[in-house]
Amino acid sequence: TDQLTIHLSPGTPAMAAVWIILART
C-alpha cells in the first residue's frame, strides 16, 4: 500500500477513525 493515500475528511467521524486505525496497523 506504499502508493495509497487515504483521505480522512470525507464522510463521518466514525469513518475517519476507522481509516486511522487501519492505516496505522
PDB file of all heavy atoms in Angstrom:
ATOM      1  N   THR A   1       0.837  -1.212   0.000  1.00  0.00           N
ATOM      2  CA  THR A   1       0.000   0.000   0.000  1.00  0.00           C
ATOM      3  C   THR A   1       0.866   1.253   0.000  1.00  0.00           C
ATOM      4  O   THR A   1       0.428   2.328   0.420  1.00  0.00           O
ATOM      5  CB  THR A   1      -0.924  -0.002   1.232  1.00  0.00           C
ATOM      6  OG1 THR A   1      -0.122  -0.176   2.414  1.00  0.00           O
ATOM      7  CG2 THR A   1      -1.954  -1.113   1.153  1.00  0.00           C
ATOM      8  N   ASP A   2       2.089   1.122  -0.488  1.00  0.00           N
ATOM      9  CA  ASP A   2       3.021   2.255  -0.481  1.00  0.00           C
ATOM     10  C   ASP A   2       2.521   3.439  -1.302  1.00  0.00           C
ATOM     11  O   ASP A   2       2.823   4.597  -0.989  1.00  0.00           O
ATOM     12  CB  ASP A   2       4.396   1.820  -1.021  1.00  0.00           C
ATOM     13  CG  ASP A   2       5.086   0.833  -0.091  1.00  0.00           C
ATOM     14  OD1 ASP A   2       4.615   0.688   1.058  1.00  0.00           O
ATOM     15  OD2 ASP A   2       6.068   0.204  -0.516  1.00  0.00           O
ATOM     16  N   GLN A   3       1.772   3.158  -2.387  1.00  0.00           N
ATOM     17  CA  GLN A   3       1.329   4.220  -3.296  1.00  0.00           C
ATOM     18  C   GLN A   3      -0.102   4.681  -2.987  1.00  0.00           C
ATOM     19  O   GLN A   3      -0.706   5.389  -3.786  1.00  0.00           O
ATOM     20  CB  GLN A   3       1.391   3.736  -4.752  1.00  0.00           C
ATOM     21  CG  GLN A   3       2.779   3.356  -5.224  1.00  0.00           C
ATOM     22  CD  GLN A   3       3.628   4.585  -5.523  1.00  0.00           C
ATOM     23  OE1 GLN A   3       3.129   5.701  -5.538  1.00  0.00           O
ATOM     24  NE2 GLN A   3       4.903   4.375  -5.736  1.00  0.00           N
ATOM     25  N   LEU A   4      -0.614   4.283  -1.828  1.00  0.00           N
ATOM     26  CA  LEU A   4      -2.001   4.590  -1.484  1.00  0.00           C
ATOM     27  C   LEU A   4      -2.077   5.794  -0.551  1.00  0.00           C
ATOM     28  O   LEU A   4      -1.326   5.892   0.417  1.00  0.00           O
ATOM     29  CB  LEU A   4      -2.644   3.378  -0.803  1.00  0.00           C
ATOM     30  CG  LEU A   4      -4.117   3.502  -0.405  1.00  0.00           C
ATOM     31  CD1 LEU A   4      -4.993   3.663  -1.647  1.00  0.00           C
ATOM     32  CD2 LEU A   4      -4.567   2.292   0.404  1.00  0.00           C
ATOM     33  N   THR A   5      -3.019   6.696  -0.840  1.00  0.00           N
ATOM     34  CA  THR A   5      -3.314   7.831   0.031  1.00  0.00           C
ATOM     35  C   THR A   5      -4.768   7.735   0.482  1.00  0.00           C
ATOM     36  O   THR A   5      -5.667   7.584  -0.348  1.00  0.00           O
ATOM     37  CB  THR A   5      -3.094   9.168  -0.691  1.00  0.00           C
ATOM     38  OG1 THR A   5      -1.716   9.280  -1.060  1.00  0.00           O
ATOM     39  CG2 THR A   5      -3.462  10.345   0.204  1.00  0.00           C
ATOM     40  N   ILE A   6      -4.989   7.819   1.781  1.00  0.00           N
ATOM     41  CA  ILE A   6      -6.342   7.749   2.341  1.00  0.00           C
ATOM     42  C   ILE A   6      -6.754   9.136   2.814  1.00  0.00           C
ATOM     43  O   ILE A   6      -6.042   9.774   3.596  1.00  0.00           O
ATOM     44  CB  ILE A   6      -6.395   6.750   3.512  1.00  0.00           C
ATOM     45  CG1 ILE A   6      -6.021   5.338   3.035  1.00  0.00           C
ATOM     46  CG2 ILE A   6      -7.781   6.744   4.145  1.00  0.00           C
ATOM     47  CD1 ILE A   6      -5.936   4.314   4.156  1.00  0.00           C
ATOM     48  N   HIS A   7      -7.924   9.583   2.347  1.00  0.00           N
ATOM     49  CA  HIS A   7      -8.437  10.906   2.700  1.00  0.00           C
ATOM     50  C   HIS A   7      -9.372  10.760   3.900  1.00  0.00           C
ATOM     51  O   HIS A   7     -10.387  10.067   3.839  1.00  0.00           O
ATOM     52  CB  HIS A   7      -9.193  11.482   1.499  1.00  0.00           C
ATOM     53  CG  HIS A   7      -9.352  12.970   1.552  1.00  0.00           C
ATOM     54  ND1 HIS A   7      -9.187  13.700   2.699  1.00  0.00           N
ATOM     55  CD2 HIS A   7      -9.691  13.878   0.582  1.00  0.00           C
ATOM     56  CE1 HIS A   7      -9.391  14.979   2.440  1.00  0.00           C
ATOM     57  NE2 HIS A   7      -9.704  15.108   1.160  1.00  0.00           N
ATOM     58  N   LEU A   8      -9.036  11.412   5.018  1.00  0.00           N
ATOM     59  CA  LEU A   8      -9.804  11.274   6.246  1.00  0.00           C
ATOM     60  C   LEU A   8     -11.043  12.162   6.301  1.00  0.00           C
ATOM     61  O   LEU A   8     -12.006  11.839   7.013  1.00  0.00           O
ATOM     62  CB  LEU A   8      -8.924  11.610   7.458  1.00  0.00           C
ATOM     63  CG  LEU A   8      -7.676  10.752   7.692  1.00  0.00           C
ATOM     64  CD1 LEU A   8      -6.907  11.282   8.893  1.00  0.00           C
ATOM     65  CD2 LEU A   8      -8.059   9.302   7.902  1.00  0.00           C
ATOM     66  N   SER A   9     -11.042  13.268   5.595  1.00  0.00           N
ATOM     67  CA  SER A   9     -12.079  14.284   5.794  1.00  0.00           C
ATOM     68  C   SER A   9     -13.466  13.890   5.283  1.00  0.00           C
ATOM     69  O   SER A   9     -14.462  14.186   5.948  1.00  0.00           O
ATOM     70  CB  SER A   9     -11.639  15.605   5.160  1.00  0.00           C
ATOM     71  OG  SER A   9     -10.445  16.056   5.774  1.00  0.00           O
ATOM     72  N   PRO A  10     -13.611  13.279   4.106  1.00  0.00           N
ATOM     73  CA  PRO A  10     -14.961  12.950   3.645  1.00  0.00           C
ATOM     74  C   PRO A  10     -15.626  11.897   4.534  1.00  0.00           C
ATOM     75  O   PRO A  10     -14.968  10.985   5.037  1.00  0.00           O
ATOM     76  CB  PRO A  10     -14.729  12.379   2.236  1.00  0.00           C
ATOM     77  CG  PRO A  10     -13.362  12.830   1.852  1.00  0.00           C
ATOM     78  CD  PRO A  10     -12.589  12.892   3.122  1.00  0.00           C
ATOM     79  N   GLY A  11     -16.930  12.020   4.706  1.00  0.00           N
ATOM     80  CA  GLY A  11     -17.663  11.037   5.482  1.00  0.00           C
ATOM     81  C   GLY A  11     -17.821  11.433   6.935  1.00  0.00           C
ATOM     82  O   GLY A  11     -17.641  12.585   7.319  1.00  0.00           O
ATOM     83  N   THR A  12     -18.137  10.455   7.757  1.00  0.00           N
ATOM     84  CA  THR A  12     -18.421  10.702   9.172  1.00  0.00           C
ATOM     85  C   THR A  12     -17.165  10.553  10.026  1.00  0.00           C
ATOM     86  O   THR A  12     -16.178   9.951   9.587  1.00  0.00           O
ATOM     87  CB  THR A  12     -19.473   9.695   9.679  1.00  0.00           C
ATOM     88  OG1 THR A  12     -18.922   8.372   9.609  1.00  0.00           O
ATOM     89  CG2 THR A  12     -20.742   9.762   8.845  1.00  0.00           C
ATOM     90  N   PRO A  13     -17.186  11.077  11.265  1.00  0.00           N
ATOM     91  CA  PRO A  13     -16.044  10.865  12.169  1.00  0.00           C
ATOM     92  C   PRO A  13     -15.743   9.388  12.404  1.00  0.00           C
ATOM     93  O   PRO A  13     -14.577   9.015  12.567  1.00  0.00           O
ATOM     94  CB  PRO A  13     -16.500  11.552  13.468  1.00  0.00           C
ATOM     95  CG  PRO A  13     -17.458  12.610  13.019  1.00  0.00           C
ATOM     96  CD  PRO A  13     -18.178  12.002  11.846  1.00  0.00           C
ATOM     97  N   ALA A  14     -16.787   8.554  12.403  1.00  0.00           N
ATOM     98  CA  ALA A  14     -16.555   7.110  12.584  1.00  0.00           C
ATOM     99  C   ALA A  14     -15.732   6.551  11.435  1.00  0.00           C
ATOM    100  O   ALA A  14     -14.847   5.703  11.631  1.00  0.00           O
ATOM    101  CB  ALA A  14     -17.898   6.377  12.683  1.00  0.00           C
ATOM    102  N   MET A  15     -16.010   7.020  10.211  1.00  0.00           N
ATOM    103  CA  MET A  15     -15.250   6.567   9.044  1.00  0.00           C
ATOM    104  C   MET A  15     -13.795   7.007   9.141  1.00  0.00           C
ATOM    105  O   MET A  15     -12.872   6.237   8.843  1.00  0.00           O
ATOM    106  CB  MET A  15     -15.898   7.102   7.767  1.00  0.00           C
ATOM    107  CG  MET A  15     -17.275   6.530   7.506  1.00  0.00           C
ATOM    108  SD  MET A  15     -18.151   7.389   6.179  1.00  0.00           S
ATOM    109  CE  MET A  15     -19.693   6.455   6.120  1.00  0.00           C
ATOM    110  N   ALA A  16     -13.579   8.232   9.587  1.00  0.00           N
ATOM    111  CA  ALA A  16     -12.209   8.739   9.744  1.00  0.00           C
ATOM    112  C   ALA A  16     -11.458   7.946  10.810  1.00  0.00           C
ATOM    113  O   ALA A  16     -10.281   7.605  10.631  1.00  0.00           O
ATOM    114  CB  ALA A  16     -12.242  10.217  10.114  1.00  0.00           C
ATOM    115  N   ALA A  17     -12.143   7.623  11.923  1.00  0.00           N
ATOM    116  CA  ALA A  17     -11.494   6.875  13.000  1.00  0.00           C
ATOM    117  C   ALA A  17     -11.056   5.491  12.526  1.00  0.00           C
ATOM    118  O   ALA A  17      -9.955   5.030  12.838  1.00  0.00           O
ATOM    119  CB  ALA A  17     -12.449   6.747  14.188  1.00  0.00           C
ATOM    120  N   VAL A  18     -11.921   4.840  11.745  1.00  0.00           N
ATOM    121  CA  VAL A  18     -11.576   3.510  11.223  1.00  0.00           C
ATOM    122  C   VAL A  18     -10.391   3.601  10.266  1.00  0.00           C
ATOM    123  O   VAL A  18      -9.485   2.761  10.291  1.00  0.00           O
ATOM    124  CB  VAL A  18     -12.794   2.868  10.535  1.00  0.00           C
ATOM    125  CG1 VAL A  18     -12.382   1.620   9.760  1.00  0.00           C
ATOM    126  CG2 VAL A  18     -13.854   2.511  11.569  1.00  0.00           C
ATOM    127  N   TRP A  19     -10.380   4.629   9.409  1.00  0.00           N
ATOM    128  CA  TRP A  19      -9.238   4.812   8.497  1.00  0.00           C
ATOM    129  C   TRP A  19      -7.936   4.938   9.284  1.00  0.00           C
ATOM    130  O   TRP A  19      -6.909   4.351   8.922  1.00  0.00           O
ATOM    131  CB  TRP A  19      -9.433   6.049   7.638  1.00  0.00           C
ATOM    132  CG  TRP A  19     -10.315   5.955   6.438  1.00  0.00           C
ATOM    133  CD1 TRP A  19     -11.200   6.892   5.990  1.00  0.00           C
ATOM    134  CD2 TRP A  19     -10.385   4.886   5.474  1.00  0.00           C
ATOM    135  NE1 TRP A  19     -11.826   6.473   4.841  1.00  0.00           N
ATOM    136  CE2 TRP A  19     -11.334   5.254   4.492  1.00  0.00           C
ATOM    137  CE3 TRP A  19      -9.746   3.658   5.355  1.00  0.00           C
ATOM    138  CZ2 TRP A  19     -11.661   4.442   3.417  1.00  0.00           C
ATOM    139  CZ3 TRP A  19     -10.067   2.844   4.283  1.00  0.00           C
ATOM    140  CH2 TRP A  19     -11.010   3.228   3.325  1.00  0.00           C
ATOM    141  N   ILE A  20      -7.959   5.731  10.356  1.00  0.00           N
ATOM    142  CA  ILE A  20      -6.735   5.955  11.137  1.00  0.00           C
ATOM    143  C   ILE A  20      -6.241   4.637  11.730  1.00  0.00           C
ATOM    144  O   ILE A  20      -5.054   4.297  11.662  1.00  0.00           O
ATOM    145  CB  ILE A  20      -6.982   6.990  12.250  1.00  0.00           C
ATOM    146  CG1 ILE A  20      -7.235   8.372  11.636  1.00  0.00           C
ATOM    147  CG2 ILE A  20      -5.788   7.060  13.203  1.00  0.00           C
ATOM    148  CD1 ILE A  20      -7.680   9.421  12.638  1.00  0.00           C
ATOM    149  N   ILE A  21      -7.169   3.878  12.315  1.00  0.00           N
ATOM    150  CA  ILE A  21      -6.780   2.599  12.936  1.00  0.00           C
ATOM    151  C   ILE A  21      -6.205   1.643  11.894  1.00  0.00           C
ATOM    152  O   ILE A  21      -5.151   1.027  12.098  1.00  0.00           O
ATOM    153  CB  ILE A  21      -7.989   1.966  13.647  1.00  0.00           C
ATOM    154  CG1 ILE A  21      -8.380   2.813  14.861  1.00  0.00           C
ATOM    155  CG2 ILE A  21      -7.684   0.533  14.073  1.00  0.00           C
ATOM    156  CD1 ILE A  21      -9.672   2.395  15.522  1.00  0.00           C
ATOM    157  N   LEU A  22      -6.889   1.514  10.761  1.00  0.00           N
ATOM    158  CA  LEU A  22      -6.426   0.594   9.722  1.00  0.00           C
ATOM    159  C   LEU A  22      -5.102   1.050   9.119  1.00  0.00           C
ATOM    160  O   LEU A  22      -4.204   0.248   8.868  1.00  0.00           O
ATOM    161  CB  LEU A  22      -7.490   0.470   8.631  1.00  0.00           C
ATOM    162  CG  LEU A  22      -8.739  -0.334   9.009  1.00  0.00           C
ATOM    163  CD1 LEU A  22      -9.803  -0.209   7.919  1.00  0.00           C
ATOM    164  CD2 LEU A  22      -8.388  -1.796   9.220  1.00  0.00           C
ATOM    165  N   ALA A  23      -4.987   2.350   8.876  1.00  0.00           N
ATOM    166  CA  ALA A  23      -3.763   2.859   8.258  1.00  0.00           C
ATOM    167  C   ALA A  23      -2.554   2.664   9.157  1.00  0.00           C
ATOM    168  O   ALA A  23      -1.451   2.372   8.682  1.00  0.00           O
ATOM    169  CB  ALA A  23      -3.926   4.344   7.921  1.00  0.00           C
ATOM    170  N   ARG A  24      -2.751   2.805  10.447  1.00  0.00           N
ATOM    171  CA  ARG A  24      -1.620   2.703  11.373  1.00  0.00           C
ATOM    172  C   ARG A  24      -1.299   1.269  11.779  1.00  0.00           C
ATOM    173  O   ARG A  24      -0.263   1.014  12.371  1.00  0.00           O
ATOM    174  CB  ARG A  24      -1.907   3.534  12.630  1.00  0.00           C
ATOM    175  CG  ARG A  24      -1.837   5.041  12.379  1.00  0.00           C
ATOM    176  CD  ARG A  24      -0.399   5.466  12.069  1.00  0.00           C
ATOM    177  NE  ARG A  24      -0.293   6.897  11.872  1.00  0.00           N
ATOM    178  CZ  ARG A  24      -0.322   7.512  10.699  1.00  0.00           C
ATOM    179  NH1 ARG A  24      -0.447   6.787   9.591  1.00  0.00           N
ATOM    180  NH2 ARG A  24      -0.217   8.811  10.619  1.00  0.00           N
ATOM    181  N   THR A  25      -2.198   0.328  11.479  1.00  0.00           N
ATOM    182  CA  THR A  25      -1.970  -1.048  11.930  1.00  0.00           C
ATOM    183  C   THR A  25      -1.867  -2.056  10.804  1.00  0.00           C
ATOM    184  O   THR A  25      -1.334  -3.145  11.006  1.00  0.00           O
ATOM    185  CB  THR A  25      -3.110  -1.502  12.873  1.00  0.00           C
ATOM    186  OG1 THR A  25      -4.362  -1.424  12.181  1.00  0.00           O
ATOM    187  CG2 THR A  25      -3.161  -0.636  14.110  1.00  0.00           C
TER     188      THR A  25
END
